[in-house]
């Protein structure tokens, strides 16, 4: 009998979670980010792995440096497929529209 690697269920769940479409649950509204340059790239890049809820939810405690650190973590630690050019676009967008007041 073939035995599966013990981590296989966790890996399978991660793959499913990251590939699932982002939809609002019943009774919830979908998040609409501020309509401004960089929004499309931000939405496309971030929703690969998580809901857009995280952006406005964390905005109160994030500044440009915190967003930059977070985006780099997504790329380096979690393998988010974000180019250097798009990373800058996302950083500029989040810093302008989803950052705590100085």
N, C-alpha and C. Protein backbone atom coordinates (compact mmCIF):
# COMPACT_ATOMS: atom_id res chain seq x y z
N UNK A 1 0.84 -1.18 0.00
CA UNK A 1 0.00 0.00 0.00
C UNK A 1 0.89 1.25 0.00
N UNK A 2 0.57 2.22 -0.83
CA UNK A 2 1.33 3.45 -0.94
C UNK A 2 0.92 4.40 0.17
N UNK A 3 1.93 5.00 0.83
CA UNK A 3 1.65 5.98 1.89
C UNK A 3 1.94 7.37 1.37
N UNK A 4 1.10 8.31 1.69
CA UNK A 4 1.28 9.69 1.28
C UNK A 4 2.15 10.42 2.29
N UNK A 5 2.87 11.39 1.81
CA UNK A 5 3.68 12.21 2.69
C UNK A 5 2.75 12.93 3.66
N UNK A 6 3.11 13.02 4.96
CA UNK A 6 2.21 13.63 5.95
C UNK A 6 1.86 15.09 5.67
N UNK A 7 2.71 15.81 4.95
CA UNK A 7 2.44 17.22 4.68
C UNK A 7 1.53 17.42 3.47
N UNK A 8 1.24 16.37 2.72
CA UNK A 8 0.45 16.49 1.50
C UNK A 8 -0.91 17.15 1.71
N UNK A 9 -1.69 16.79 2.74
CA UNK A 9 -2.99 17.47 2.92
C UNK A 9 -2.84 18.98 3.14
N UNK A 10 -1.84 19.39 3.91
CA UNK A 10 -1.64 20.82 4.17
C UNK A 10 -1.24 21.55 2.89
N UNK A 11 -0.37 20.93 2.11
CA UNK A 11 0.06 21.53 0.84
C UNK A 11 -1.13 21.64 -0.11
N UNK A 12 -1.93 20.60 -0.18
CA UNK A 12 -3.11 20.62 -1.05
C UNK A 12 -4.07 21.73 -0.64
N UNK A 13 -4.28 21.92 0.64
CA UNK A 13 -5.18 22.98 1.11
C UNK A 13 -4.62 24.36 0.76
N UNK A 14 -3.32 24.54 0.88
CA UNK A 14 -2.69 25.82 0.54
C UNK A 14 -2.86 26.11 -0.94
N UNK A 15 -2.64 25.12 -1.78
CA UNK A 15 -2.81 25.30 -3.22
C UNK A 15 -4.25 25.66 -3.54
N UNK A 16 -5.20 24.97 -2.93
CA UNK A 16 -6.61 25.28 -3.18
C UNK A 16 -6.97 26.68 -2.70
N UNK A 17 -6.47 27.06 -1.54
CA UNK A 17 -6.78 28.38 -0.99
C UNK A 17 -6.23 29.49 -1.86
N UNK A 18 -5.02 29.30 -2.38
CA UNK A 18 -4.40 30.34 -3.20
C UNK A 18 -4.98 30.39 -4.61
N UNK A 19 -5.62 29.33 -5.05
CA UNK A 19 -6.16 29.32 -6.41
C UNK A 19 -7.67 29.58 -6.43
N UNK A 20 -8.28 29.66 -5.28
CA UNK A 20 -9.72 29.89 -5.22
C UNK A 20 -10.05 31.32 -5.64
N UNK A 21 -11.14 31.51 -6.36
CA UNK A 21 -11.51 32.88 -6.72
C UNK A 21 -11.92 33.66 -5.48
N UNK A 22 -11.69 34.97 -5.52
CA UNK A 22 -12.04 35.82 -4.40
C UNK A 22 -13.48 36.28 -4.59
N UNK A 23 -14.36 35.83 -3.72
CA UNK A 23 -15.77 36.21 -3.78
C UNK A 23 -16.24 36.57 -2.38
N UNK A 24 -17.25 37.38 -2.32
CA UNK A 24 -17.83 37.73 -1.02
C UNK A 24 -18.78 36.63 -0.59
N UNK A 25 -18.77 36.32 0.69
CA UNK A 25 -19.70 35.35 1.23
C UNK A 25 -21.08 35.98 1.30
N UNK A 26 -22.09 35.17 1.46
CA UNK A 26 -23.46 35.67 1.54
C UNK A 26 -23.56 36.73 2.63
N UNK A 27 -24.14 37.86 2.29
CA UNK A 27 -24.32 38.92 3.26
C UNK A 27 -23.12 39.84 3.39
N UNK A 28 -22.04 39.58 2.66
CA UNK A 28 -20.86 40.43 2.71
C UNK A 28 -20.72 41.17 1.39
N UNK A 29 -20.21 42.39 1.48
CA UNK A 29 -19.95 43.14 0.26
C UNK A 29 -18.52 42.90 -0.17
N UNK A 30 -18.30 42.87 -1.47
CA UNK A 30 -16.95 42.74 -1.98
C UNK A 30 -16.19 44.05 -1.73
N UNK A 31 -14.93 43.93 -1.44
CA UNK A 31 -14.10 45.11 -1.20
C UNK A 31 -13.83 45.80 -2.53
N UNK A 32 -14.03 47.08 -2.58
CA UNK A 32 -13.70 47.89 -3.74
C UNK A 32 -12.57 48.83 -3.33
N UNK A 33 -11.42 48.65 -3.92
CA UNK A 33 -10.31 49.52 -3.61
C UNK A 33 -10.47 50.86 -4.32
N UNK A 34 -9.80 51.87 -3.81
CA UNK A 34 -9.83 53.21 -4.38
C UNK A 34 -9.45 53.15 -5.85
N UNK A 35 -10.28 53.79 -6.68
CA UNK A 35 -10.02 53.82 -8.11
C UNK A 35 -8.93 54.84 -8.39
N UNK A 36 -7.74 54.35 -8.66
CA UNK A 36 -6.58 55.21 -8.91
C UNK A 36 -5.53 54.38 -9.65
N UNK A 37 -4.55 55.04 -10.25
CA UNK A 37 -3.49 54.29 -10.93
C UNK A 37 -2.83 53.29 -9.98
N UNK A 38 -2.67 52.07 -10.47
CA UNK A 38 -2.06 51.00 -9.67
C UNK A 38 -3.07 50.04 -9.08
N UNK A 39 -4.34 50.41 -9.10
CA UNK A 39 -5.35 49.54 -8.50
C UNK A 39 -5.42 48.18 -9.18
N UNK A 40 -5.44 48.16 -10.50
CA UNK A 40 -5.59 46.88 -11.21
C UNK A 40 -4.43 45.94 -10.90
N UNK A 41 -3.22 46.45 -10.91
CA UNK A 41 -2.05 45.62 -10.62
C UNK A 41 -2.10 45.15 -9.17
N UNK A 42 -2.50 46.01 -8.27
CA UNK A 42 -2.60 45.65 -6.86
C UNK A 42 -3.64 44.54 -6.66
N UNK A 43 -4.81 44.71 -7.24
CA UNK A 43 -5.87 43.70 -7.11
C UNK A 43 -5.40 42.38 -7.70
N UNK A 44 -4.87 42.41 -8.92
CA UNK A 44 -4.44 41.18 -9.59
C UNK A 44 -3.34 40.47 -8.81
N UNK A 45 -2.41 41.22 -8.24
CA UNK A 45 -1.28 40.62 -7.53
C UNK A 45 -1.67 40.10 -6.15
N UNK A 46 -2.46 40.86 -5.43
CA UNK A 46 -2.77 40.48 -4.05
C UNK A 46 -3.80 39.35 -3.95
N UNK A 47 -4.77 39.35 -4.87
CA UNK A 47 -5.83 38.35 -4.78
C UNK A 47 -5.39 36.96 -5.24
N UNK A 48 -4.16 36.83 -5.68
CA UNK A 48 -3.66 35.50 -6.02
C UNK A 48 -3.70 34.62 -4.77
N UNK A 49 -3.40 35.22 -3.61
CA UNK A 49 -3.32 34.42 -2.39
C UNK A 49 -4.25 34.84 -1.26
N UNK A 50 -4.77 36.05 -1.28
CA UNK A 50 -5.62 36.45 -0.16
C UNK A 50 -6.66 37.47 -0.58
N UNK A 51 -7.61 37.69 0.30
CA UNK A 51 -8.68 38.64 0.09
C UNK A 51 -8.14 40.07 0.12
N UNK A 52 -8.86 40.95 -0.52
CA UNK A 52 -8.51 42.37 -0.46
C UNK A 52 -8.84 42.98 0.89
N UNK A 53 -9.58 42.27 1.73
CA UNK A 53 -9.93 42.77 3.06
C UNK A 53 -8.70 43.19 3.86
N UNK A 54 -7.58 42.52 3.63
CA UNK A 54 -6.37 42.80 4.40
C UNK A 54 -5.84 44.22 4.16
N UNK A 55 -6.07 44.77 2.99
CA UNK A 55 -5.49 46.07 2.68
C UNK A 55 -6.11 47.20 3.51
N UNK A 56 -7.42 47.44 3.43
CA UNK A 56 -7.98 48.50 4.27
C UNK A 56 -7.94 48.15 5.76
N UNK A 57 -8.00 46.86 6.08
CA UNK A 57 -7.97 46.44 7.48
C UNK A 57 -6.63 46.81 8.13
N UNK A 58 -5.54 46.72 7.38
CA UNK A 58 -4.22 47.01 7.93
C UNK A 58 -3.77 48.45 7.70
N UNK A 59 -4.50 49.21 6.91
CA UNK A 59 -4.10 50.56 6.53
C UNK A 59 -3.81 51.47 7.72
N UNK A 60 -4.57 51.32 8.79
CA UNK A 60 -4.42 52.21 9.95
C UNK A 60 -3.06 52.08 10.63
N UNK A 61 -2.39 50.95 10.43
CA UNK A 61 -1.10 50.75 11.11
C UNK A 61 0.06 50.63 10.12
N UNK A 62 -0.20 50.89 8.86
CA UNK A 62 0.84 50.75 7.84
C UNK A 62 1.27 52.11 7.32
N UNK A 63 2.58 52.24 7.10
CA UNK A 63 3.12 53.38 6.38
C UNK A 63 3.88 52.82 5.18
N UNK A 64 4.55 53.66 4.43
CA UNK A 64 5.24 53.19 3.23
C UNK A 64 6.26 52.09 3.56
N UNK A 65 7.04 52.29 4.61
CA UNK A 65 8.06 51.30 4.98
C UNK A 65 7.43 49.96 5.37
N UNK A 66 6.32 50.02 6.07
CA UNK A 66 5.64 48.79 6.48
C UNK A 66 5.05 48.06 5.27
N UNK A 67 4.45 48.81 4.33
CA UNK A 67 3.93 48.18 3.12
C UNK A 67 5.07 47.56 2.31
N UNK A 68 6.18 48.27 2.21
CA UNK A 68 7.32 47.74 1.46
C UNK A 68 7.82 46.43 2.07
N UNK A 69 7.95 46.42 3.38
CA UNK A 69 8.38 45.20 4.07
C UNK A 69 7.38 44.06 3.84
N UNK A 70 6.10 44.37 3.90
CA UNK A 70 5.06 43.36 3.71
C UNK A 70 5.08 42.79 2.29
N UNK A 71 5.21 43.66 1.30
CA UNK A 71 5.23 43.21 -0.09
C UNK A 71 6.46 42.35 -0.35
N UNK A 72 7.61 42.77 0.17
CA UNK A 72 8.83 41.97 0.01
C UNK A 72 8.68 40.60 0.67
N UNK A 73 8.01 40.57 1.83
CA UNK A 73 7.76 39.28 2.49
C UNK A 73 6.91 38.38 1.62
N UNK A 74 5.88 38.95 1.00
CA UNK A 74 5.01 38.15 0.13
C UNK A 74 5.81 37.55 -1.03
N UNK A 75 6.73 38.31 -1.58
CA UNK A 75 7.53 37.84 -2.71
C UNK A 75 8.59 36.84 -2.25
N UNK A 76 9.36 37.22 -1.25
CA UNK A 76 10.51 36.41 -0.84
C UNK A 76 10.14 35.18 -0.03
N UNK A 77 9.22 35.31 0.89
CA UNK A 77 8.87 34.19 1.75
C UNK A 77 7.77 33.31 1.18
N UNK A 78 6.78 33.94 0.54
CA UNK A 78 5.62 33.20 0.06
C UNK A 78 5.61 32.98 -1.45
N UNK A 79 6.58 33.54 -2.15
CA UNK A 79 6.70 33.30 -3.58
C UNK A 79 5.69 34.01 -4.46
N UNK A 80 5.16 35.12 -3.99
CA UNK A 80 4.20 35.86 -4.82
C UNK A 80 4.88 36.28 -6.13
N UNK A 81 4.24 36.02 -7.25
CA UNK A 81 4.84 36.34 -8.55
C UNK A 81 4.67 37.82 -8.91
N UNK A 82 5.43 38.68 -8.23
CA UNK A 82 5.34 40.12 -8.44
C UNK A 82 6.69 40.60 -8.94
N UNK A 83 6.70 41.22 -10.11
CA UNK A 83 7.94 41.75 -10.69
C UNK A 83 8.39 42.97 -9.89
N UNK A 84 9.64 43.34 -10.07
CA UNK A 84 10.17 44.53 -9.38
C UNK A 84 9.39 45.77 -9.79
N UNK A 85 9.02 45.85 -11.07
CA UNK A 85 8.26 47.00 -11.56
C UNK A 85 6.87 47.04 -10.91
N UNK A 86 6.18 45.90 -10.87
CA UNK A 86 4.86 45.86 -10.25
C UNK A 86 4.93 46.06 -8.75
N UNK A 87 6.00 45.59 -8.12
CA UNK A 87 6.18 45.81 -6.69
C UNK A 87 6.17 47.31 -6.39
N UNK A 88 6.84 48.08 -7.23
CA UNK A 88 6.89 49.54 -7.03
C UNK A 88 5.52 50.16 -7.24
N UNK A 89 4.79 49.69 -8.25
CA UNK A 89 3.44 50.20 -8.52
C UNK A 89 2.53 49.93 -7.32
N UNK A 90 2.57 48.71 -6.81
CA UNK A 90 1.75 48.33 -5.66
C UNK A 90 2.13 49.15 -4.43
N UNK A 91 3.41 49.29 -4.19
CA UNK A 91 3.89 50.08 -3.05
C UNK A 91 3.41 51.52 -3.15
N UNK A 92 3.54 52.12 -4.31
CA UNK A 92 3.08 53.51 -4.48
C UNK A 92 1.58 53.62 -4.25
N UNK A 93 0.82 52.68 -4.80
CA UNK A 93 -0.64 52.70 -4.65
C UNK A 93 -1.05 52.56 -3.17
N UNK A 94 -0.50 51.55 -2.50
CA UNK A 94 -0.88 51.32 -1.10
C UNK A 94 -0.41 52.47 -0.21
N UNK A 95 0.77 53.00 -0.47
CA UNK A 95 1.29 54.10 0.34
C UNK A 95 0.45 55.36 0.21
N UNK A 96 -0.10 55.56 -0.97
CA UNK A 96 -0.92 56.75 -1.21
C UNK A 96 -2.34 56.60 -0.71
N UNK A 97 -2.91 55.41 -0.83
CA UNK A 97 -4.34 55.24 -0.55
C UNK A 97 -4.67 54.40 0.68
N UNK A 98 -3.71 53.65 1.19
CA UNK A 98 -3.97 52.74 2.32
C UNK A 98 -2.85 52.79 3.34
N UNK A 99 -2.52 53.97 3.77
CA UNK A 99 -1.47 54.13 4.78
C UNK A 99 -1.97 55.08 5.87
N UNK A 100 -1.44 54.84 7.06
CA UNK A 100 -1.81 55.70 8.19
C UNK A 100 -1.32 57.12 7.95
N UNK A 101 -2.05 58.05 8.49
CA UNK A 101 -1.62 59.45 8.38
C UNK A 101 -0.30 59.62 9.11
N UNK A 102 0.59 60.44 8.56
CA UNK A 102 1.91 60.61 9.21
C UNK A 102 1.81 61.29 10.56
